[in-house]
């Protein structure tokens, strides 16, 4: 069995190298033998934190309520399609923007907001 696996492995990677074809991720036969230990997914270094996700969602909902808007409109104004997919830096800027908008909305002034069309 070991010799057969070796031959198959060598054929696959020889042909891949000759024709410049990339193959799928190699699990060295672990999937078929039941030894498939999935690697835990590593969070991206610059990925948004759960705390930031929560803050953005709460502040966006609060602003939407104050301005009688839908939360989706606020996200659109912030150029966010999925809060969980933005970077930490963009999240920090977004939180500051939302705080500025909320401050203006609570004061009754027309703060510089794109969400107010």
C-alpha atoms as a PDB file:
ATOM      1  CA  UNK A   1       0.000   0.000   0.000  1.00  0.00           C
ATOM      2  CA  UNK A   2       2.857   2.336   0.827  1.00  0.00           C
ATOM      3  CA  UNK A   3       4.526   1.673  -2.522  1.00  0.00           C
ATOM      4  CA  UNK A   4       1.236   2.290  -4.362  1.00  0.00           C
ATOM      5  CA  UNK A   5       0.733   5.571  -2.519  1.00  0.00           C
ATOM      6  CA  UNK A   6       4.286   6.630  -3.371  1.00  0.00           C
ATOM      7  CA  UNK A   7       3.827   5.833  -7.072  1.00  0.00           C
ATOM      8  CA  UNK A   8       0.524   7.735  -7.198  1.00  0.00           C
ATOM      9  CA  UNK A   9       2.091  10.687  -5.389  1.00  0.00           C
ATOM     10  CA  UNK A  10       5.073  10.786  -7.762  1.00  0.00           C
ATOM     11  CA  UNK A  11       2.862  10.522 -10.870  1.00  0.00           C
ATOM     12  CA  UNK A  12       0.605  13.319  -9.681  1.00  0.00           C
ATOM     13  CA  UNK A  13       3.373  15.745  -8.868  1.00  0.00           C
ATOM     14  CA  UNK A  14       5.514  14.841 -11.894  1.00  0.00           C
ATOM     15  CA  UNK A  15       2.626  15.533 -14.251  1.00  0.00           C
ATOM     16  CA  UNK A  16       1.736  18.679 -12.335  1.00  0.00           C
ATOM     17  CA  UNK A  17       5.294  19.919 -12.662  1.00  0.00           C
ATOM     18  CA  UNK A  18       5.575  19.024 -16.363  1.00  0.00           C
ATOM     19  CA  UNK A  19       2.309  20.717 -17.361  1.00  0.00           C
ATOM     20  CA  UNK A  20       2.422  23.522 -14.823  1.00  0.00           C
ATOM     21  CA  UNK A  21      -0.854  22.455 -13.251  1.00  0.00           C
ATOM     22  CA  UNK A  22      -1.570  23.155  -9.627  1.00  0.00           C
ATOM     23  CA  UNK A  23      -3.392  20.434  -7.770  1.00  0.00           C
ATOM     24  CA  UNK A  24      -5.820  20.677  -4.905  1.00  0.00           C
ATOM     25  CA  UNK A  25      -4.515  20.744  -1.375  1.00  0.00           C
ATOM     26  CA  UNK A  26      -2.695  17.497  -0.656  1.00  0.00           C
ATOM     27  CA  UNK A  27      -3.741  15.765   2.527  1.00  0.00           C
ATOM     28  CA  UNK A  28      -1.304  12.857   1.987  1.00  0.00           C
ATOM     29  CA  UNK A  29      -4.192  10.398   1.925  1.00  0.00           C
ATOM     30  CA  UNK A  30      -5.354  11.325   5.403  1.00  0.00           C
ATOM     31  CA  UNK A  31      -8.893  12.093   4.275  1.00  0.00           C
ATOM     32  CA  UNK A  32      -9.432   8.652   2.759  1.00  0.00           C
ATOM     33  CA  UNK A  33      -7.837   6.860   5.709  1.00  0.00           C
ATOM     34  CA  UNK A  34      -9.911   8.719   8.292  1.00  0.00           C
ATOM     35  CA  UNK A  35      -6.982  10.653   9.726  1.00  0.00           C
ATOM     36  CA  UNK A  36      -8.262  14.022   8.622  1.00  0.00           C
ATOM     37  CA  UNK A  37      -7.335  16.435  11.353  1.00  0.00           C
ATOM     38  CA  UNK A  38      -8.625  19.783  10.217  1.00  0.00           C
ATOM     39  CA  UNK A  39      -6.370  22.708  10.878  1.00  0.00           C
ATOM     40  CA  UNK A  40      -8.005  25.331  13.067  1.00  0.00           C
ATOM     41  CA  UNK A  41      -8.628  28.433  11.024  1.00  0.00           C
ATOM     42  CA  UNK A  42      -6.267  31.192  12.061  1.00  0.00           C
ATOM     43  CA  UNK A  43      -7.836  34.631  12.357  1.00  0.00           C
ATOM     44  CA  UNK A  44      -6.276  37.251  10.120  1.00  0.00           C
ATOM     45  CA  UNK A  45      -3.899  39.561  11.946  1.00  0.00           C
ATOM     46  CA  UNK A  46      -5.712  42.682  10.824  1.00  0.00           C
ATOM     47  CA  UNK A  47      -9.194  41.174  11.155  1.00  0.00           C
ATOM     48  CA  UNK A  48     -11.861  43.100  13.031  1.00  0.00           C
ATOM     49  CA  UNK A  49     -12.397  42.093  16.662  1.00  0.00           C
ATOM     50  CA  UNK A  50     -15.741  40.911  18.005  1.00  0.00           C
ATOM     51  CA  UNK A  51     -15.834  43.984  20.243  1.00  0.00           C
ATOM     52  CA  UNK A  52     -15.494  46.256  17.190  1.00  0.00           C
ATOM     53  CA  UNK A  53     -18.207  44.327  15.336  1.00  0.00           C
ATOM     54  CA  UNK A  54     -20.532  44.817  18.298  1.00  0.00           C
ATOM     55  CA  UNK A  55     -19.757  48.526  18.610  1.00  0.00           C
ATOM     56  CA  UNK A  56     -20.346  49.175  14.928  1.00  0.00           C
ATOM     57  CA  UNK A  57     -23.629  47.271  14.942  1.00  0.00           C
ATOM     58  CA  UNK A  58     -24.940  49.049  18.058  1.00  0.00           C
ATOM     59  CA  UNK A  59     -23.874  52.507  16.898  1.00  0.00           C
ATOM     60  CA  UNK A  60     -25.216  51.955  13.371  1.00  0.00           C
ATOM     61  CA  UNK A  61     -28.578  50.805  14.751  1.00  0.00           C
ATOM     62  CA  UNK A  62     -28.701  53.750  17.136  1.00  0.00           C
ATOM     63  CA  UNK A  63     -27.930  56.237  14.363  1.00  0.00           C
ATOM     64  CA  UNK A  64     -30.452  54.615  12.015  1.00  0.00           C
ATOM     65  CA  UNK A  65     -33.122  54.888  14.706  1.00  0.00           C
ATOM     66  CA  UNK A  66     -32.330  58.548  15.424  1.00  0.00           C
ATOM     67  CA  UNK A  67     -32.529  59.426  11.717  1.00  0.00           C
ATOM     68  CA  UNK A  68     -35.479  57.140  10.904  1.00  0.00           C
ATOM     69  CA  UNK A  69     -33.324  55.171   8.476  1.00  0.00           C
ATOM     70  CA  UNK A  70     -32.644  51.514   7.861  1.00  0.00           C
ATOM     71  CA  UNK A  71     -29.406  50.090   9.223  1.00  0.00           C
ATOM     72  CA  UNK A  72     -28.547  48.954   5.703  1.00  0.00           C
ATOM     73  CA  UNK A  73     -28.561  52.589   4.587  1.00  0.00           C
ATOM     74  CA  UNK A  74     -26.050  53.441   7.308  1.00  0.00           C
ATOM     75  CA  UNK A  75     -23.806  50.544   6.244  1.00  0.00           C
ATOM     76  CA  UNK A  76     -24.059  51.683   2.636  1.00  0.00           C
ATOM     77  CA  UNK A  77     -23.059  55.223   3.635  1.00  0.00           C
ATOM     78  CA  UNK A  78     -20.089  53.737   5.487  1.00  0.00           C
ATOM     79  CA  UNK A  79     -19.204  51.599   2.455  1.00  0.00           C
ATOM     80  CA  UNK A  80     -19.642  48.355   4.414  1.00  0.00           C
ATOM     81  CA  UNK A  81     -21.242  45.290   2.887  1.00  0.00           C
ATOM     82  CA  UNK A  82     -20.272  42.874   5.702  1.00  0.00           C
ATOM     83  CA  UNK A  83     -19.167  44.226   9.066  1.00  0.00           C
ATOM     84  CA  UNK A  84     -17.210  41.074   9.888  1.00  0.00           C
ATOM     85  CA  UNK A  85     -15.031  41.416   6.774  1.00  0.00           C
ATOM     86  CA  UNK A  86     -13.497  44.853   7.378  1.00  0.00           C
ATOM     87  CA  UNK A  87     -10.050  45.451   8.862  1.00  0.00           C
ATOM     88  CA  UNK A  88      -9.297  46.664  12.378  1.00  0.00           C
ATOM     89  CA  UNK A  89      -8.137  50.026  11.045  1.00  0.00           C
ATOM     90  CA  UNK A  90     -11.261  50.553   8.974  1.00  0.00           C
ATOM     91  CA  UNK A  91     -13.367  49.471  11.944  1.00  0.00           C
ATOM     92  CA  UNK A  92     -11.687  52.082  14.162  1.00  0.00           C
ATOM     93  CA  UNK A  93     -12.334  54.805  11.587  1.00  0.00           C
ATOM     94  CA  UNK A  94     -15.932  53.632  11.196  1.00  0.00           C
ATOM     95  CA  UNK A  95     -16.532  53.737  14.953  1.00  0.00           C
ATOM     96  CA  UNK A  96     -15.169  57.301  15.103  1.00  0.00           C
ATOM     97  CA  UNK A  97     -17.365  58.306  12.159  1.00  0.00           C
ATOM     98  CA  UNK A  98     -20.446  56.793  13.789  1.00  0.00           C
ATOM     99  CA  UNK A  99     -19.661  58.557  17.076  1.00  0.00           C
ATOM    100  CA  UNK A 100     -19.394  61.867  15.199  1.00  0.00           C
ATOM    101  CA  UNK A 101     -22.688  61.214  13.408  1.00  0.00           C
ATOM    102  CA  UNK A 102     -24.405  60.220  16.650  1.00  0.00           C
ATOM    103  CA  UNK A 103     -23.136  63.310  18.417  1.00  0.00           C
ATOM    104  CA  UNK A 104     -24.518  65.509  15.651  1.00  0.00           C
ATOM    105  CA  UNK A 105     -27.821  63.636  15.541  1.00  0.00           C
ATOM    106  CA  UNK A 106     -28.300  63.893  19.309  1.00  0.00           C
ATOM    107  CA  UNK A 107     -27.454  67.606  19.299  1.00  0.00           C
ATOM    108  CA  UNK A 108     -30.045  68.103  16.612  1.00  0.00           C
ATOM    109  CA  UNK A 109     -27.508  69.458  14.195  1.00  0.00           C
ATOM    110  CA  UNK A 110     -27.018  68.139  10.700  1.00  0.00           C
ATOM    111  CA  UNK A 111     -23.626  66.520  11.178  1.00  0.00           C
ATOM    112  CA  UNK A 112     -21.766  65.719   8.001  1.00  0.00           C
ATOM    113  CA  UNK A 113     -23.364  62.370   7.299  1.00  0.00           C
ATOM    114  CA  UNK A 114     -23.656  60.554   4.021  1.00  0.00           C
ATOM    115  CA  UNK A 115     -26.535  58.514   5.483  1.00  0.00           C
ATOM    116  CA  UNK A 116     -28.703  61.630   5.392  1.00  0.00           C
ATOM    117  CA  UNK A 117     -29.711  62.053   1.805  1.00  0.00           C
END
